[in-house]
């Protein structure tokens, strides 16, 4: 079993920055071998993959956030961060941390508004 807890969401103006963090606990073997990812779901839209990172550090991003978002993981601390810069209105969503697309956090709200 893996428990994921997100933090760092909030209200930010367009062009601003936020850093989301996900703390993973539980079965450290599962955490260590699986890819970790950030998803988001905006009102009325389906959940989409924002960024992922494998156990070896290979990253992948949805086109809309490339060059603005950076995903990272600290395998010693079991944390997965999402650095978000140059935020846009359309980045507004609930952001979820996921482990192997099996375990999910509760989500943290990110609102980009002037």
N, C-alpha and C. Protein backbone atom coordinates (compact mmCIF):
# COMPACT_ATOMS: atom_id res chain seq x y z
N UNK A 1 0.85 -1.20 0.00
CA UNK A 1 0.00 0.00 0.00
C UNK A 1 0.88 1.24 0.00
N UNK A 2 0.44 2.25 -0.74
CA UNK A 2 1.16 3.51 -0.83
C UNK A 2 0.20 4.66 -0.55
N UNK A 3 0.65 5.59 0.27
CA UNK A 3 -0.14 6.79 0.57
C UNK A 3 0.58 7.99 -0.01
N UNK A 4 -0.19 8.83 -0.70
CA UNK A 4 0.38 10.02 -1.33
C UNK A 4 -0.32 11.26 -0.80
N UNK A 5 0.45 12.26 -0.42
CA UNK A 5 -0.11 13.49 0.12
C UNK A 5 0.48 14.68 -0.61
N UNK A 6 -0.39 15.41 -1.32
CA UNK A 6 0.05 16.60 -2.06
C UNK A 6 -0.03 17.85 -1.19
N UNK A 7 0.80 18.81 -1.53
CA UNK A 7 0.77 20.11 -0.87
C UNK A 7 1.31 21.16 -1.84
N UNK A 8 1.06 22.42 -1.51
CA UNK A 8 1.64 23.50 -2.29
C UNK A 8 0.71 24.21 -3.24
N UNK A 9 -0.53 23.77 -3.36
CA UNK A 9 -1.45 24.45 -4.25
C UNK A 9 -1.86 25.79 -3.68
N UNK A 10 -2.58 26.55 -4.49
CA UNK A 10 -3.05 27.84 -4.04
C UNK A 10 -3.48 28.72 -5.19
N UNK A 11 -3.64 29.99 -4.87
CA UNK A 11 -4.07 31.00 -5.83
C UNK A 11 -2.85 31.79 -6.31
N UNK A 12 -2.71 31.94 -7.60
CA UNK A 12 -1.57 32.66 -8.16
C UNK A 12 -2.02 33.45 -9.38
N UNK A 13 -1.37 34.56 -9.62
CA UNK A 13 -1.70 35.39 -10.78
C UNK A 13 -1.06 34.80 -12.04
N UNK A 14 -1.63 35.10 -13.18
CA UNK A 14 -1.01 34.64 -14.44
C UNK A 14 0.44 35.10 -14.52
N UNK A 15 1.29 34.21 -14.97
CA UNK A 15 2.71 34.51 -15.03
C UNK A 15 3.47 34.13 -13.77
N UNK A 16 2.75 33.80 -12.75
CA UNK A 16 3.36 33.45 -11.48
C UNK A 16 3.86 32.02 -11.42
N UNK A 17 4.35 31.64 -10.25
CA UNK A 17 4.93 30.31 -10.05
C UNK A 17 4.38 29.65 -8.80
N UNK A 18 4.36 28.34 -8.84
CA UNK A 18 4.00 27.53 -7.68
C UNK A 18 4.83 26.27 -7.70
N UNK A 19 5.06 25.71 -6.53
CA UNK A 19 5.75 24.43 -6.44
C UNK A 19 4.87 23.47 -5.67
N UNK A 20 4.49 22.39 -6.32
CA UNK A 20 3.71 21.34 -5.68
C UNK A 20 4.65 20.25 -5.19
N UNK A 21 4.28 19.68 -4.06
CA UNK A 21 5.08 18.59 -3.53
C UNK A 21 4.18 17.41 -3.18
N UNK A 22 4.68 16.22 -3.38
CA UNK A 22 3.95 15.00 -3.06
C UNK A 22 4.83 14.14 -2.17
N UNK A 23 4.34 13.83 -1.01
CA UNK A 23 5.07 12.97 -0.08
C UNK A 23 4.49 11.56 -0.16
N UNK A 24 5.33 10.61 -0.48
CA UNK A 24 4.91 9.22 -0.60
C UNK A 24 5.34 8.44 0.63
N UNK A 25 4.45 7.59 1.12
CA UNK A 25 4.78 6.76 2.27
C UNK A 25 4.14 5.39 2.08
N UNK A 26 4.60 4.44 2.87
CA UNK A 26 4.06 3.09 2.77
C UNK A 26 5.09 2.12 2.25
N UNK A 27 4.72 1.35 1.23
CA UNK A 27 5.60 0.34 0.67
C UNK A 27 6.69 1.01 -0.16
N UNK A 28 7.87 1.15 0.42
CA UNK A 28 8.95 1.88 -0.24
C UNK A 28 9.45 1.17 -1.49
N UNK A 29 9.25 -0.14 -1.56
CA UNK A 29 9.66 -0.87 -2.76
C UNK A 29 8.79 -0.47 -3.94
N UNK A 30 7.48 -0.42 -3.71
CA UNK A 30 6.57 0.01 -4.76
C UNK A 30 6.89 1.43 -5.20
N UNK A 31 7.14 2.29 -4.24
CA UNK A 31 7.45 3.69 -4.56
C UNK A 31 8.74 3.76 -5.38
N UNK A 32 9.72 2.98 -5.00
CA UNK A 32 11.03 3.08 -5.64
C UNK A 32 11.02 2.60 -7.09
N UNK A 33 10.24 1.58 -7.41
CA UNK A 33 10.33 0.99 -8.74
C UNK A 33 9.36 1.58 -9.74
N UNK A 34 8.38 2.34 -9.25
CA UNK A 34 7.36 2.84 -10.16
C UNK A 34 7.62 4.26 -10.65
N UNK A 35 7.09 4.52 -11.83
CA UNK A 35 7.07 5.90 -12.29
C UNK A 35 6.09 6.68 -11.42
N UNK A 36 6.42 7.93 -11.20
CA UNK A 36 5.55 8.83 -10.46
C UNK A 36 5.07 9.91 -11.42
N UNK A 37 3.89 10.44 -11.15
CA UNK A 37 3.34 11.40 -12.11
C UNK A 37 2.45 12.42 -11.42
N UNK A 38 2.29 13.52 -12.10
CA UNK A 38 1.30 14.53 -11.73
C UNK A 38 0.24 14.57 -12.83
N UNK A 39 -1.00 14.50 -12.39
CA UNK A 39 -2.15 14.66 -13.27
C UNK A 39 -2.92 15.90 -12.84
N UNK A 40 -3.79 16.36 -13.69
CA UNK A 40 -4.68 17.46 -13.30
C UNK A 40 -6.05 17.26 -13.92
N UNK A 41 -7.03 17.83 -13.24
CA UNK A 41 -8.39 17.78 -13.75
C UNK A 41 -9.04 19.14 -13.55
N UNK A 42 -9.39 19.75 -14.65
CA UNK A 42 -10.09 21.03 -14.62
C UNK A 42 -11.59 20.77 -14.62
N UNK A 43 -12.38 21.74 -14.15
CA UNK A 43 -13.83 21.56 -14.11
C UNK A 43 -14.39 21.23 -15.49
N UNK A 44 -15.18 20.15 -15.55
CA UNK A 44 -15.81 19.78 -16.80
C UNK A 44 -14.91 19.06 -17.78
N UNK A 45 -13.68 18.78 -17.36
CA UNK A 45 -12.73 18.12 -18.27
C UNK A 45 -12.25 16.81 -17.67
N UNK A 46 -11.71 15.98 -18.52
CA UNK A 46 -11.14 14.72 -18.06
C UNK A 46 -9.78 14.93 -17.41
N UNK A 47 -9.44 14.01 -16.56
CA UNK A 47 -8.12 14.07 -15.94
C UNK A 47 -7.05 13.84 -17.00
N UNK A 48 -6.00 14.65 -16.97
CA UNK A 48 -4.93 14.49 -17.95
C UNK A 48 -3.58 14.37 -17.26
N UNK A 49 -2.70 13.63 -17.91
CA UNK A 49 -1.34 13.50 -17.43
C UNK A 49 -0.58 14.79 -17.72
N UNK A 50 0.03 15.36 -16.69
CA UNK A 50 0.79 16.59 -16.85
C UNK A 50 2.27 16.28 -17.03
N UNK A 51 2.80 15.46 -16.14
CA UNK A 51 4.23 15.13 -16.19
C UNK A 51 4.46 13.82 -15.45
N UNK A 52 5.47 13.09 -15.89
CA UNK A 52 5.82 11.85 -15.22
C UNK A 52 7.33 11.71 -15.14
N UNK A 53 7.77 10.89 -14.20
CA UNK A 53 9.19 10.65 -14.03
C UNK A 53 9.39 9.20 -13.61
N UNK A 54 10.26 8.51 -14.31
CA UNK A 54 10.51 7.10 -14.00
C UNK A 54 11.43 6.98 -12.80
N UNK A 55 11.62 5.76 -12.35
CA UNK A 55 12.52 5.54 -11.23
C UNK A 55 13.95 5.94 -11.58
N UNK A 56 14.27 5.89 -12.86
CA UNK A 56 15.60 6.27 -13.30
C UNK A 56 15.76 7.74 -13.62
N UNK A 57 14.65 8.50 -13.52
CA UNK A 57 14.73 9.93 -13.71
C UNK A 57 14.33 10.44 -15.09
N UNK A 58 13.86 9.56 -15.96
CA UNK A 58 13.39 9.99 -17.27
C UNK A 58 12.06 10.71 -17.13
N UNK A 59 11.97 11.88 -17.73
CA UNK A 59 10.77 12.70 -17.58
C UNK A 59 9.98 12.80 -18.88
N UNK A 60 8.71 13.09 -18.72
CA UNK A 60 7.83 13.27 -19.86
C UNK A 60 6.79 14.32 -19.49
N UNK A 61 6.44 15.18 -20.46
CA UNK A 61 5.51 16.27 -20.20
C UNK A 61 4.45 16.35 -21.30
N UNK A 62 3.28 16.78 -20.91
CA UNK A 62 2.27 17.10 -21.91
C UNK A 62 2.73 18.37 -22.62
N UNK A 63 2.42 18.49 -23.89
CA UNK A 63 2.94 19.60 -24.69
C UNK A 63 2.62 20.97 -24.10
N UNK A 64 1.46 21.10 -23.49
CA UNK A 64 1.02 22.42 -23.01
C UNK A 64 1.86 22.96 -21.85
N UNK A 65 2.65 22.10 -21.21
CA UNK A 65 3.44 22.58 -20.06
C UNK A 65 4.94 22.49 -20.32
N UNK A 66 5.34 21.99 -21.46
CA UNK A 66 6.77 21.86 -21.76
C UNK A 66 7.44 23.23 -21.72
N UNK A 67 8.57 23.29 -21.04
CA UNK A 67 9.30 24.53 -20.91
C UNK A 67 8.85 25.38 -19.73
N UNK A 68 7.72 25.03 -19.13
CA UNK A 68 7.20 25.80 -18.00
C UNK A 68 7.19 24.99 -16.70
N UNK A 69 6.94 23.69 -16.80
CA UNK A 69 6.85 22.83 -15.62
C UNK A 69 8.06 21.91 -15.57
N UNK A 70 8.48 21.59 -14.35
CA UNK A 70 9.58 20.65 -14.16
C UNK A 70 9.21 19.67 -13.06
N UNK A 71 9.27 18.39 -13.37
CA UNK A 71 9.00 17.35 -12.38
C UNK A 71 10.33 16.80 -11.87
N UNK A 72 10.37 16.50 -10.59
CA UNK A 72 11.58 15.93 -10.01
C UNK A 72 11.19 14.98 -8.89
N UNK A 73 12.09 14.08 -8.57
CA UNK A 73 11.83 13.16 -7.46
C UNK A 73 13.09 13.00 -6.63
N UNK A 74 12.87 12.86 -5.34
CA UNK A 74 13.96 12.61 -4.41
C UNK A 74 13.72 11.21 -3.84
N UNK A 75 14.46 10.25 -4.35
CA UNK A 75 14.23 8.87 -3.96
C UNK A 75 14.60 8.59 -2.51
N UNK A 76 15.45 9.40 -1.95
CA UNK A 76 15.81 9.22 -0.54
C UNK A 76 14.69 9.70 0.38
N UNK A 77 14.03 10.77 -0.02
CA UNK A 77 12.96 11.35 0.80
C UNK A 77 11.58 10.88 0.36
N UNK A 78 11.50 10.18 -0.79
CA UNK A 78 10.22 9.74 -1.34
C UNK A 78 9.28 10.92 -1.59
N UNK A 79 9.82 11.93 -2.21
CA UNK A 79 9.01 13.10 -2.58
C UNK A 79 9.08 13.33 -4.08
N UNK A 80 8.00 13.85 -4.60
CA UNK A 80 7.92 14.16 -6.03
C UNK A 80 7.42 15.59 -6.14
N UNK A 81 8.17 16.44 -6.74
CA UNK A 81 7.80 17.85 -6.85
C UNK A 81 7.44 18.23 -8.28
N UNK A 82 6.62 19.25 -8.39
CA UNK A 82 6.28 19.82 -9.69
C UNK A 82 6.48 21.32 -9.58
N UNK A 83 7.53 21.80 -10.22
CA UNK A 83 7.79 23.24 -10.27
C UNK A 83 7.03 23.81 -11.45
N UNK A 84 6.18 24.81 -11.20
CA UNK A 84 5.34 25.37 -12.26
C UNK A 84 5.65 26.86 -12.40
N UNK A 85 6.03 27.27 -13.58
CA UNK A 85 6.34 28.67 -13.85
C UNK A 85 5.48 29.19 -15.00
N UNK A 86 5.45 30.50 -15.13
CA UNK A 86 4.68 31.14 -16.20
C UNK A 86 3.27 30.56 -16.28
N UNK A 87 2.62 30.50 -15.14
CA UNK A 87 1.30 29.88 -15.07
C UNK A 87 0.28 30.66 -15.87
N UNK A 88 -0.64 29.91 -16.47
CA UNK A 88 -1.69 30.47 -17.30
C UNK A 88 -3.06 30.15 -16.70
N UNK A 89 -4.06 30.88 -17.15
CA UNK A 89 -5.42 30.62 -16.67
C UNK A 89 -5.78 29.14 -16.86
N UNK A 90 -5.39 28.59 -18.00
CA UNK A 90 -5.77 27.22 -18.33
C UNK A 90 -5.04 26.16 -17.51
N UNK A 91 -4.12 26.59 -16.65
CA UNK A 91 -3.47 25.64 -15.74
C UNK A 91 -4.31 25.41 -14.48
N UNK A 92 -5.39 26.16 -14.34
CA UNK A 92 -6.27 26.00 -13.19
C UNK A 92 -6.88 24.60 -13.19
N UNK A 93 -6.70 23.89 -12.08
CA UNK A 93 -7.18 22.52 -11.98
C UNK A 93 -6.86 21.98 -10.59
N UNK A 94 -7.41 20.82 -10.31
CA UNK A 94 -6.96 20.05 -9.16
C UNK A 94 -5.82 19.16 -9.64
N UNK A 95 -4.70 19.23 -8.96
CA UNK A 95 -3.53 18.47 -9.34
C UNK A 95 -3.37 17.26 -8.42
N UNK A 96 -3.16 16.11 -9.05
CA UNK A 96 -3.06 14.86 -8.32
C UNK A 96 -1.69 14.22 -8.52
N UNK A 97 -1.17 13.66 -7.47
CA UNK A 97 0.05 12.87 -7.53
C UNK A 97 -0.35 11.40 -7.68
N UNK A 98 0.40 10.67 -8.49
CA UNK A 98 0.09 9.26 -8.72
C UNK A 98 1.36 8.43 -8.71
N UNK A 99 1.21 7.21 -8.22
CA UNK A 99 2.31 6.25 -8.21
C UNK A 99 1.89 5.07 -9.07
N UNK A 100 2.58 4.90 -10.18
CA UNK A 100 2.27 3.78 -11.05
C UNK A 100 0.85 3.76 -11.58
N UNK A 101 0.20 4.92 -11.56
CA UNK A 101 -1.20 5.06 -11.99
C UNK A 101 -2.14 4.15 -11.20
N UNK A 102 -1.68 3.69 -10.06
CA UNK A 102 -2.50 2.82 -9.20
C UNK A 102 -2.88 3.53 -7.91
N UNK A 103 -1.90 4.18 -7.34
CA UNK A 103 -2.13 4.90 -6.08
C UNK A 103 -2.23 6.39 -6.38
N UNK A 104 -3.18 7.03 -5.71
CA UNK A 104 -3.47 8.44 -5.98
C UNK A 104 -3.57 9.23 -4.69
N UNK A 105 -3.15 10.49 -4.76
CA UNK A 105 -3.37 11.39 -3.66
C UNK A 105 -4.77 12.00 -3.73
N UNK A 106 -5.07 12.86 -2.78
CA UNK A 106 -6.39 13.49 -2.71
C UNK A 106 -6.49 14.71 -3.61
N UNK A 107 -5.34 15.23 -4.01
CA UNK A 107 -5.34 16.38 -4.90
C UNK A 107 -5.15 17.70 -4.18
N UNK A 108 -4.61 18.66 -4.91
CA UNK A 108 -4.44 20.01 -4.39
C UNK A 108 -4.87 20.99 -5.47
N UNK A 109 -5.61 22.01 -5.05
CA UNK A 109 -6.19 22.96 -6.01
C UNK A 109 -5.16 24.01 -6.41
N UNK A 110 -5.05 24.23 -7.70
CA UNK A 110 -4.25 25.32 -8.24
C UNK A 110 -5.19 26.23 -9.02
N UNK A 111 -5.23 27.49 -8.63
CA UNK A 111 -6.10 28.46 -9.30
C UNK A 111 -5.25 29.60 -9.82
N UNK A 112 -5.31 29.83 -11.11
CA UNK A 112 -4.59 30.94 -11.74
C UNK A 112 -5.63 32.00 -12.10
N UNK A 113 -5.54 33.11 -11.42
CA UNK A 113 -6.55 34.15 -11.61
C UNK A 113 -5.96 35.52 -11.30
N UNK A 114 -6.45 36.53 -12.01
CA UNK A 114 -6.00 37.89 -11.75
C UNK A 114 -6.98 38.58 -10.81
